[in-house]
Each structure stands twice: as structure tokens, then as C-alpha cells.
Amino acid sequence: MAGRRAGQILAGADPSAQTRAVYYRGGGEGFLARPLLGWGPGSTPWTVSRFLRPRPGVNPASEVVGELHSLPVALGYELGGTGFLLALSLAALFVLRRGAERHATADPALLRAGLLGLLGAGWVCLGSAALAVTALPVAAALAAGAALAHSPTPPISPAPGRRSRLPAALYAAAALLLLLSPLRAGYHYERATAASSESARDHLARAVALDPAFPLYRARLGWLLAGRPGGRQAGADQALRAAADAPGVAPLWLAAGILGLGAERPWAGRALEQACALDPLAPFAPYFLATAAPAAPAAPFAAAHALLAEPRLLAATFWDGHAPLRADALRAVGAAEEIDAGWREALLAAAGRLPRGADDGDARAWLALEIDSTPSLALSLYAFRRPPWPLEWPLVEVHPAALADLALPPATTLP
């Protein structure tokens, strides 16, 4: 079994290896963009989508990449070459010093076990950078502690007299002051997830006031405000600022663009373009780009992009009044030679069978944007390390009777 898996990896046919290759290439491009100091500690989920090139059939649409699945790649991306070399030098110095002292220690077996544990941790980190999972750094700390046990160097005796506790007290006080506001903001956010609409707004506003640089709090507040009477413009502006604070998180740009369209903000198109660039396998950003300006020269290609990513958009009621745009989009789909020919033929055949301007009676159906509904794509968890808060946002009205003929999988799921 292991041999067959190794063969698939070497042949480039292993799905996990293909996915990791996308992450590693993105991390490498991000490192080259800021090679000296990197993008900052913990910045991966908020920035890396700028450099990722997701592959159809490999990466899912709207994937939230919380870590780069390799600690060396993550260190280079977040800390640059400077931080990477310092971290590597510190680890190497620790292992070399303790290895040189293995004969003088009182318990050489424990020291060897600790060093082997650290070696194992280093090996695992080549394929994982999940430091937010507390068990992993704790296990490495325990291994390092075992390697430090029974050190041959005698402890330094404290100077006569009582040692001052002032430095430790000052450090603890400073840490408490720095962490108090973010902790209180997190408390209010968790309260908001279980509160009524009115209370949720108050809790979110309090969280934003306490931690204004944390994008998720402001984004949720903006989404909530936009659904209230007279709150469209304020909600759209809050959503845009949240997206700007997390420039690599596509769902925040998508939400800002859609709310900006509803509030007639001039920046709405730019926000949708950013969402499309960050998440090219998802359908809603190109769809709204096309429908917001149906006469624009790029509209047919944006509409074709949306149909490739979500065939069910062919059932949208929008097309009832925009038949020329629909026809141009279908011609663009038919001319996309890089897409499987059988899939294109099936979509065009389904389009030919759909009734034009169908009367559905009182039946209504919507295609919805789902946030935090799918555990593996939970935006709040993987991008912001907060508990999922499921949201289903109906965006596109469709003819219910037409959906039955549009059971094709998205072209973005095909190799």
C-alpha cells in the first residue's frame, strides 16, 4: 500500500500531493514577494490566497487555506528568510549542544529520547504547519524538556538576598493589558453567535470597538446591518473595511461586493473583481459582475465563467430579460476548448431544453451563498480561529422547474 502511494506521488497522481503542491507554490510566490521579513506571524489565512493558483479537480471552490502544510514553507512565508534562518539556527544549536553533552548527563537515555522526539517533530513539520493545534507544540516542548533533563551544567546560584519579582510582575501586567481587549472582544463575539438579531448587533458592535483590527467581527456586523431597514450603506461600508483588513479572504470581498451593489457603491465592481481573482473556481463573483453590467464587453465571459463554476445558474430568472447575454455566454462556454468537450455538450444540450421565461406559479427557489455550513470549508474556523457561525444567504433567484435538467457537476471539479 505504501509503495503504491509513493508511486502515485512520484507520478503526480496523488490528490493530496497535488493539493500540497498548490500550497507550496503559493507559499513560495509569497516568500519571493517579501523575502526578507515575510508577511508577518499568523498572516497565512488572511493573505495567501493572493498567491494560490487553485487547480480544477484538485482544490474545491471557496477553499479556506489556514496553513501551508509545511512548517519550513510557512516560516519562510510569514517570517521571511531572516526568521526562517533564525528559527533553523536555534533548533540546530539546541540539538548540537545537547548531543555533545549526552555522555555527561545523568540520564543519557532520557536525553536521547528527547532528541529523537524533536527529530520526529521536525519530520512531521515538513508536511504540517498546524501550530494552532495546541497538542503539537506542547508535544515538541515536552520532548525538548526531556532533552534538557539532568543537564550537566550546575544551576547558577542566586545572588544573596531576596530576588526581585518586579520584572515578572511588569511583564504579566503588560501581557494582561494587551490581551484583555481581544479576549473581551472574543467573548462578545461568542455571545453574538447565540443571541437574537438585536442583541447580536450590540455584541458585534462591542467586539468591533474592543478589537477593531479583527476583520471577522466587522464583517459579521456589516452583514447584519445590511439586512436591517436603512442599514444598506452602513453595512456595505463595514463589509468593505473588513475585506480590506483581510485582503486575501475571498468571501469577505464577495460579501462586500454584493452589499456594495445593493447600496449602489462605486467600489462594488472592484470588490467583486478581487473576489473573483482570489477564488476563481467559485461562481457568484463572476455572475454578479456580469449581471451588474450586462452590456459591458466582458459580461459574456464573466457569465460563462459563472456557468462553468455553477451550471444551475442557467436557471436564474435574470436571463428571462437578458436573452442576448445568455446566448453570448453559452457561445463562450462552447468555445472553451480547455474544458471537457462532453461536459460542454451536456451543458449546451440542457440549455436548449430549458423553457424560456417559465411560469413557476407561486414556487420560488434560490441559490444561496453558504458560510460555515460545510465543516471542511468553515471560514470562521480556518481563517479566523473562531467557532463556526453558519449563514445561508439567498443570492440568485432561479426557476425551480429548470433545476432538474441541470444536474451537471461544476466544470471546476473536473481535472
Protein backbone atom coordinates (compact mmCIF):
# COMPACT_ATOMS: atom_id res chain seq x y z
CA MET A 1 0.00 0.00 0.00
CA ALA A 2 2.76 2.45 0.96
CA GLY A 3 4.69 1.58 -2.20
CA ARG A 4 1.67 2.21 -4.40
CA ARG A 5 1.05 5.56 -2.67
CA ALA A 6 4.70 6.53 -3.17
CA GLY A 7 4.38 5.64 -6.85
CA GLN A 8 1.29 7.83 -7.20
CA ILE A 9 3.07 10.73 -5.52
CA LEU A 10 6.11 10.42 -7.80
CA ALA A 11 3.82 10.20 -10.84
CA GLY A 12 1.91 13.32 -9.75
CA ALA A 13 -1.36 11.38 -9.47
CA ASP A 14 -1.89 11.56 -5.71
CA PRO A 15 -4.68 14.07 -4.85
CA SER A 16 -3.15 15.03 -1.51
CA ALA A 17 0.26 15.65 -3.05
CA GLN A 18 -1.33 17.70 -5.84
CA THR A 19 -3.13 19.85 -3.27
CA ARG A 20 0.04 20.36 -1.26
CA ALA A 21 1.90 21.33 -4.41
CA VAL A 22 -0.60 24.18 -4.87
CA TYR A 23 0.05 25.32 -1.29
CA TYR A 24 3.82 25.07 -1.62
CA ARG A 25 3.89 27.02 -4.88
CA GLY A 26 1.69 29.71 -3.34
CA GLY A 27 3.91 29.89 -0.27
CA GLY A 28 6.98 30.15 -2.48
CA GLU A 29 5.49 33.00 -4.52
CA GLY A 30 4.52 34.80 -1.31
CA PHE A 31 8.05 34.38 0.02
CA LEU A 32 9.53 35.85 -3.15
CA ALA A 33 7.21 38.84 -2.82
CA ARG A 34 8.59 39.62 0.66
CA PRO A 35 11.79 37.60 1.03
CA LEU A 36 13.38 39.48 3.92
CA LEU A 37 10.72 39.78 6.64
CA GLY A 38 7.74 37.91 5.22
CA TRP A 39 4.07 38.75 5.68
CA GLY A 40 4.01 38.58 9.47
CA PRO A 41 3.30 35.89 12.09
CA GLY A 42 -0.12 34.29 11.63
CA SER A 43 -0.80 36.07 8.34
CA THR A 44 -1.22 32.99 6.16
CA PRO A 45 -5.04 32.64 6.24
CA TRP A 46 -5.56 36.36 5.56
CA THR A 47 -3.08 36.81 2.71
CA VAL A 48 -2.04 33.59 0.97
CA SER A 49 -4.98 33.40 -1.46
CA ARG A 50 -3.29 36.16 -3.48
CA PHE A 51 -0.58 33.67 -4.43
CA LEU A 52 -2.53 30.41 -4.71
CA ARG A 53 -3.45 29.08 -8.14
CA PRO A 54 -6.17 26.50 -7.37
CA ARG A 55 -6.42 23.56 -9.77
CA PRO A 56 -9.80 22.33 -11.05
CA GLY A 57 -10.46 18.81 -9.86
CA VAL A 58 -7.91 19.23 -7.06
CA ASN A 59 -8.89 22.25 -4.97
CA PRO A 60 -12.52 22.86 -4.01
CA ALA A 61 -14.13 26.20 -4.71
CA SER A 62 -14.03 28.66 -1.81
CA GLU A 63 -11.34 26.67 -0.02
CA VAL A 64 -10.05 28.42 3.10
CA VAL A 65 -6.32 27.72 3.42
CA GLY A 66 -5.49 28.19 7.07
CA GLU A 67 -1.93 26.84 6.87
CA LEU A 68 0.56 25.85 4.18
CA HIS A 69 1.03 22.23 5.34
CA SER A 70 4.78 22.61 5.75
CA LEU A 71 6.44 24.47 8.61
CA PRO A 72 9.55 25.48 6.61
CA VAL A 73 7.32 26.92 3.87
CA ALA A 74 5.15 28.66 6.48
CA LEU A 75 8.20 30.13 8.27
CA GLY A 76 9.56 31.48 5.01
CA TYR A 77 6.19 32.94 4.06
CA GLU A 78 5.36 34.54 7.41
CA LEU A 79 8.83 35.44 8.75
CA GLY A 80 10.88 35.72 5.56
CA GLY A 81 14.40 34.46 5.11
CA THR A 82 15.53 36.24 8.29
CA GLY A 83 13.05 34.50 10.56
CA PHE A 84 13.49 31.16 8.80
CA LEU A 85 17.27 31.18 9.29
CA LEU A 86 16.97 32.27 12.92
CA ALA A 87 14.46 29.52 13.72
CA LEU A 88 16.54 26.89 11.92
CA SER A 89 19.74 28.05 13.64
CA LEU A 90 18.11 27.95 17.07
CA ALA A 91 16.84 24.39 16.54
CA ALA A 92 20.18 23.20 15.17
CA LEU A 93 22.11 24.82 18.02
CA PHE A 94 19.87 23.17 20.62
CA VAL A 95 20.30 19.69 19.10
CA LEU A 96 24.06 20.06 18.66
CA ARG A 97 24.65 21.35 22.21
CA ARG A 98 22.57 18.67 23.84
CA GLY A 99 24.01 15.96 21.61
CA ALA A 100 27.53 16.97 22.63
CA GLU A 101 26.57 16.67 26.31
CA ARG A 102 24.96 13.23 26.04
CA HIS A 103 27.89 11.44 27.76
CA ALA A 104 28.00 13.84 30.72
CA THR A 105 24.32 13.85 31.53
CA ALA A 106 22.93 11.85 34.44
CA ASP A 107 20.28 10.18 32.23
CA PRO A 108 21.59 9.77 28.66
CA ALA A 109 18.65 7.56 27.68
CA LEU A 110 16.17 10.32 28.53
CA LEU A 111 18.26 12.85 26.60
CA ARG A 112 18.36 10.58 23.53
CA ALA A 113 14.61 10.04 23.78
CA GLY A 114 14.04 13.79 23.90
CA LEU A 115 16.25 14.39 20.87
CA LEU A 116 14.52 11.61 18.96
CA GLY A 117 11.18 13.18 19.85
CA LEU A 118 12.36 16.51 18.48
CA LEU A 119 13.63 14.78 15.34
CA GLY A 120 10.21 13.21 14.90
CA ALA A 121 8.54 16.58 15.41
CA GLY A 122 10.81 18.11 12.79
CA TRP A 123 9.96 15.33 10.34
CA VAL A 124 6.24 15.83 10.90
CA CYS A 125 6.60 19.59 10.44
CA LEU A 126 7.91 19.05 6.93
CA GLY A 127 4.33 18.14 5.99
CA SER A 128 2.34 20.19 8.50
CA ALA A 129 2.29 23.70 9.93
CA ALA A 130 -0.73 23.29 12.20
CA LEU A 131 0.80 25.09 15.16
CA ALA A 132 -2.64 26.35 16.15
CA VAL A 133 -3.41 22.76 17.20
CA THR A 134 -2.09 23.06 20.76
CA ALA A 135 -1.13 19.40 21.13
CA LEU A 136 1.65 19.67 18.54
CA PRO A 137 3.77 22.47 20.05
CA VAL A 138 3.12 21.03 23.53
CA ALA A 139 4.48 17.64 22.40
CA ALA A 140 7.58 19.35 20.98
CA ALA A 141 8.03 21.29 24.24
CA LEU A 142 7.84 18.06 26.25
CA ALA A 143 10.45 16.45 24.01
CA ALA A 144 12.70 19.49 24.46
CA GLY A 145 12.18 19.31 28.21
CA ALA A 146 13.22 15.67 28.22
CA ALA A 147 16.36 16.58 26.29
CA LEU A 148 17.15 19.25 28.91
CA ALA A 149 16.64 16.95 31.89
CA HIS A 150 19.65 16.26 34.12
CA SER A 151 21.80 18.92 32.48
CA PRO A 152 25.50 18.54 33.38
CA THR A 153 25.75 22.30 33.94
CA PRO A 154 25.11 23.12 37.59
CA PRO A 155 22.42 25.69 38.20
CA ILE A 156 23.62 29.21 38.88
CA SER A 157 23.11 30.11 42.49
CA PRO A 158 21.04 33.23 43.02
CA ALA A 159 22.74 36.24 44.50
CA PRO A 160 22.41 36.63 48.24
CA GLY A 161 19.22 38.30 49.32
CA ARG A 162 15.71 38.11 48.02
CA ARG A 163 15.27 38.24 44.21
CA SER A 164 13.02 40.98 42.89
CA ARG A 165 9.75 39.89 41.33
CA LEU A 166 9.18 43.25 39.74
CA PRO A 167 10.26 42.31 36.18
CA ALA A 168 7.95 39.31 36.14
CA ALA A 169 5.09 41.34 37.56
CA LEU A 170 5.60 44.09 34.98
CA TYR A 171 5.66 41.55 32.18
CA ALA A 172 2.47 39.87 33.41
CA ALA A 173 0.72 43.23 33.77
CA ALA A 174 1.72 44.32 30.25
CA ALA A 175 0.57 41.00 28.77
CA LEU A 176 -2.74 41.26 30.60
CA LEU A 177 -3.33 44.80 29.34
CA LEU A 178 -2.52 43.81 25.76
CA LEU A 179 -4.70 40.69 25.79
CA LEU A 180 -7.64 42.00 27.79
CA SER A 181 -9.41 43.81 24.92
CA PRO A 182 -9.05 40.95 22.38
CA LEU A 183 -10.28 38.44 24.97
CA ARG A 184 -13.28 40.59 25.79
CA ALA A 185 -13.99 41.01 22.06
CA GLY A 186 -13.93 37.24 21.59
CA TYR A 187 -16.36 36.87 24.48
CA HIS A 188 -18.82 39.31 22.89
CA TYR A 189 -18.48 37.55 19.53
CA GLU A 190 -19.34 34.18 21.04
CA ARG A 191 -22.31 35.78 22.79
CA ALA A 192 -23.45 37.18 19.44
CA THR A 193 -23.47 33.75 17.80
CA ALA A 194 -26.21 32.60 20.18
CA ALA A 195 -28.12 35.86 20.56
CA SER A 196 -31.16 37.34 18.85
CA SER A 197 -30.67 39.75 15.96
CA GLU A 198 -30.85 42.88 18.12
CA SER A 199 -28.57 41.51 20.83
CA ALA A 200 -26.19 40.10 18.24
CA ARG A 201 -25.78 43.56 16.72
CA ASP A 202 -24.94 45.05 20.12
CA HIS A 203 -22.44 42.30 20.92
CA LEU A 204 -20.79 42.58 17.50
CA ALA A 205 -20.54 46.36 17.81
CA ARG A 206 -18.87 45.88 21.18
CA ALA A 207 -16.46 43.31 19.73
CA VAL A 208 -15.52 45.71 16.91
CA ALA A 209 -14.93 48.52 19.39
CA LEU A 210 -12.67 46.31 21.52
CA ASP A 211 -10.72 44.75 18.64
CA PRO A 212 -11.21 46.95 15.55
CA ALA A 213 -8.44 45.26 13.55
CA PHE A 214 -10.04 41.80 13.63
CA PRO A 215 -11.90 41.51 10.29
CA LEU A 216 -14.43 38.81 11.15
CA TYR A 217 -16.18 40.90 13.82
CA ARG A 218 -16.59 43.87 11.47
CA ALA A 219 -17.69 41.66 8.58
CA ARG A 220 -20.41 39.99 10.63
CA LEU A 221 -21.57 43.35 11.89
CA GLY A 222 -21.75 44.69 8.34
CA TRP A 223 -23.72 41.69 7.10
CA LEU A 224 -26.16 42.09 9.94
CA LEU A 225 -26.57 45.83 9.47
CA ALA A 226 -27.16 45.46 5.73
CA GLY A 227 -30.24 43.34 6.39
CA ARG A 228 -31.87 45.95 8.60
CA PRO A 229 -34.07 48.82 7.38
CA GLY A 230 -31.89 51.76 6.38
CA GLY A 231 -28.68 49.83 7.04
CA ARG A 232 -27.56 49.00 3.50
CA GLN A 233 -24.92 51.68 3.12
CA ALA A 234 -23.51 51.32 6.64
CA GLY A 235 -23.42 47.54 6.27
CA ALA A 236 -21.70 47.72 2.88
CA ASP A 237 -19.06 50.12 4.20
CA GLN A 238 -18.34 47.90 7.19
CA ALA A 239 -18.07 44.86 4.91
CA LEU A 240 -15.62 46.66 2.63
CA ARG A 241 -13.38 47.69 5.53
CA ALA A 242 -13.40 44.10 6.85
CA ALA A 243 -12.35 42.80 3.44
CA ALA A 244 -9.55 45.38 3.23
CA ASP A 245 -8.28 44.27 6.66
CA ALA A 246 -8.08 40.65 5.43
CA PRO A 247 -7.05 41.22 1.81
CA GLY A 248 -6.68 37.55 0.91
CA VAL A 249 -10.06 36.28 2.17
CA ALA A 250 -12.31 35.96 -0.88
CA PRO A 251 -15.70 35.52 0.90
CA LEU A 252 -15.26 38.90 2.60
CA TRP A 253 -14.67 40.58 -0.77
CA LEU A 254 -17.63 38.75 -2.29
CA ALA A 255 -19.96 39.85 0.50
CA ALA A 256 -18.66 43.42 0.28
CA GLY A 257 -19.20 43.49 -3.49
CA ILE A 258 -22.75 42.16 -3.30
CA LEU A 259 -23.69 44.53 -0.49
CA GLY A 260 -21.99 47.34 -2.39
CA LEU A 261 -24.18 46.62 -5.43
CA GLY A 262 -27.29 46.77 -3.27
CA ALA A 263 -26.14 50.07 -1.76
CA GLU A 264 -25.06 51.43 -5.17
CA ARG A 265 -21.49 51.95 -4.01
CA PRO A 266 -18.99 52.82 -6.77
CA TRP A 267 -16.43 50.33 -5.48
CA ALA A 268 -18.75 47.29 -5.71
CA GLY A 269 -17.35 46.10 -9.05
CA ARG A 270 -13.76 46.30 -7.82
CA ALA A 271 -14.64 44.25 -4.75
CA LEU A 272 -16.25 41.57 -6.94
CA GLU A 273 -13.21 41.51 -9.22
CA GLN A 274 -11.00 40.96 -6.19
CA ALA A 275 -13.24 38.12 -5.00
CA CYS A 276 -13.08 36.54 -8.46
CA ALA A 277 -9.29 36.78 -8.57
CA LEU A 278 -8.89 35.23 -5.11
CA ASP A 279 -11.45 32.46 -5.65
CA PRO A 280 -11.57 31.72 -9.41
CA LEU A 281 -13.38 28.39 -9.00
CA ALA A 282 -16.43 29.94 -7.31
CA PRO A 283 -19.50 31.15 -9.27
CA PHE A 284 -21.08 34.13 -7.56
CA ALA A 285 -18.44 36.83 -8.11
CA PRO A 286 -18.34 36.45 -11.93
CA TYR A 287 -22.14 36.08 -12.04
CA PHE A 288 -22.70 39.39 -10.26
CA LEU A 289 -20.01 41.06 -12.34
CA ALA A 290 -21.94 40.02 -15.44
CA THR A 291 -25.40 40.90 -14.17
CA ALA A 292 -24.32 44.26 -12.73
CA ALA A 293 -23.20 45.47 -16.16
CA PRO A 294 -24.83 43.18 -18.77
CA ALA A 295 -23.89 45.48 -21.66
CA ALA A 296 -20.18 45.55 -20.80
CA PRO A 297 -17.84 43.84 -23.31
CA ALA A 298 -16.55 41.48 -20.61
CA ALA A 299 -20.02 40.47 -19.40
CA PRO A 300 -20.40 37.35 -21.64
CA PHE A 301 -17.08 35.97 -20.46
CA ALA A 302 -17.88 36.66 -16.80
CA ALA A 303 -21.26 34.95 -17.27
CA ALA A 304 -19.57 31.98 -18.98
CA HIS A 305 -17.12 31.78 -16.05
CA ALA A 306 -20.08 31.67 -13.66
CA LEU A 307 -21.86 28.91 -15.64
CA LEU A 308 -18.71 26.79 -15.72
CA ALA A 309 -18.44 27.11 -11.94
CA GLU A 310 -22.16 26.51 -11.29
CA PRO A 311 -24.36 25.14 -14.13
CA ARG A 312 -27.52 25.71 -12.09
CA LEU A 313 -27.11 29.43 -12.70
CA LEU A 314 -28.63 28.74 -16.14
CA ALA A 315 -31.96 28.53 -14.30
CA ALA A 316 -31.65 32.10 -12.97
CA THR A 317 -34.69 34.29 -13.56
CA PHE A 318 -32.28 37.07 -14.56
CA TRP A 319 -31.89 35.50 -18.01
CA ASP A 320 -35.61 35.99 -18.76
CA GLY A 321 -34.91 39.62 -19.58
CA HIS A 322 -31.37 39.19 -20.88
CA ALA A 323 -31.52 36.53 -23.58
CA PRO A 324 -28.68 38.05 -25.68
CA LEU A 325 -26.26 37.92 -22.76
CA ARG A 326 -27.28 34.32 -22.07
CA ALA A 327 -26.67 33.35 -25.70
CA ASP A 328 -23.26 35.06 -25.75
CA ALA A 329 -22.28 33.33 -22.51
CA LEU A 330 -23.25 29.92 -23.90
CA ARG A 331 -21.23 30.58 -27.05
CA ALA A 332 -18.24 31.41 -24.84
CA VAL A 333 -18.74 28.15 -22.96
CA GLY A 334 -18.91 26.20 -26.20
CA ALA A 335 -15.67 27.79 -27.40
CA ALA A 336 -13.75 26.95 -24.19
CA GLU A 337 -11.62 24.16 -25.65
CA GLU A 338 -9.72 23.62 -22.39
CA ILE A 339 -12.98 22.34 -20.83
CA ASP A 340 -14.02 18.72 -21.40
CA ALA A 341 -15.95 18.57 -24.68
CA GLY A 342 -18.54 16.14 -23.33
CA TRP A 343 -19.29 18.44 -20.42
CA ARG A 344 -19.72 21.43 -22.72
CA GLU A 345 -22.07 19.48 -24.99
CA ALA A 346 -24.13 18.35 -22.00
CA LEU A 347 -24.47 21.91 -20.70
CA LEU A 348 -25.47 23.30 -24.11
CA ALA A 349 -27.99 20.50 -24.57
CA ALA A 350 -29.50 21.22 -21.14
CA ALA A 351 -29.67 24.91 -22.01
CA GLY A 352 -31.58 24.09 -25.19
CA ARG A 353 -34.17 22.11 -23.25
CA LEU A 354 -34.84 24.78 -20.64
CA PRO A 355 -38.09 26.73 -21.13
CA ARG A 356 -37.66 30.46 -21.65
CA GLY A 357 -39.46 32.64 -19.13
CA ALA A 358 -41.13 29.63 -17.50
CA ASP A 359 -44.14 30.21 -15.30
CA ASP A 360 -43.42 28.53 -11.96
CA GLY A 361 -46.63 29.68 -10.35
CA ASP A 362 -46.04 30.54 -6.75
CA ALA A 363 -42.93 28.33 -6.46
CA ARG A 364 -39.66 30.12 -5.77
CA ALA A 365 -36.12 28.85 -5.31
CA TRP A 366 -32.77 30.45 -4.66
CA LEU A 367 -29.13 29.58 -4.96
CA ALA A 368 -27.52 30.57 -1.70
CA LEU A 369 -24.05 31.51 -0.52
CA GLU A 370 -23.22 29.29 2.46
CA ILE A 371 -20.68 30.39 5.05
CA ASP A 372 -19.52 27.99 7.80
CA SER A 373 -22.14 25.42 6.72
CA THR A 374 -19.58 22.90 5.42
CA PRO A 375 -17.12 21.90 8.18
CA SER A 376 -14.17 21.48 5.80
CA LEU A 377 -14.74 24.98 4.36
CA ALA A 378 -15.59 26.80 7.59
CA LEU A 379 -14.42 30.38 7.08
CA SER A 380 -14.65 31.40 10.75
CA LEU A 381 -12.67 28.39 11.94
CA TYR A 382 -9.85 28.14 9.41
CA ALA A 383 -9.31 31.81 8.58
CA PHE A 384 -10.03 33.38 11.96
CA ARG A 385 -9.89 30.57 14.57
CA ARG A 386 -13.39 31.34 15.81
CA PRO A 387 -16.33 28.93 16.26
CA PRO A 388 -18.35 28.44 13.06
CA TRP A 389 -21.45 30.59 12.76
CA PRO A 390 -23.46 29.11 9.86
CA LEU A 391 -25.03 31.57 7.45
CA GLU A 392 -27.13 30.85 4.37
CA TRP A 393 -27.57 33.91 2.16
CA PRO A 394 -30.03 33.51 -0.76
CA LEU A 395 -28.46 35.37 -3.67
CA VAL A 396 -29.82 34.22 -7.05
CA GLU A 397 -33.49 33.50 -7.77
CA VAL A 398 -33.94 30.52 -10.09
CA HIS A 399 -36.81 28.69 -11.79
CA PRO A 400 -37.43 25.58 -9.67
CA ALA A 401 -38.68 23.52 -12.61
CA ALA A 402 -35.46 24.16 -14.54
CA LEU A 403 -33.13 22.84 -11.87
CA ALA A 404 -33.92 19.18 -12.60
CA ASP A 405 -32.20 19.42 -16.01
CA LEU A 406 -29.07 21.00 -14.55
CA ALA A 407 -27.57 18.15 -12.52
CA LEU A 408 -24.14 18.52 -14.13
CA PRO A 409 -21.22 18.83 -11.74
CA PRO A 410 -19.34 22.13 -11.99
CA ALA A 411 -16.60 22.12 -14.59
CA THR A 412 -14.28 23.30 -11.80
CA THR A 413 -14.49 19.81 -10.27
CA LEU A 414 -13.11 18.18 -13.43
CA PRO A 415 -9.35 17.68 -13.94
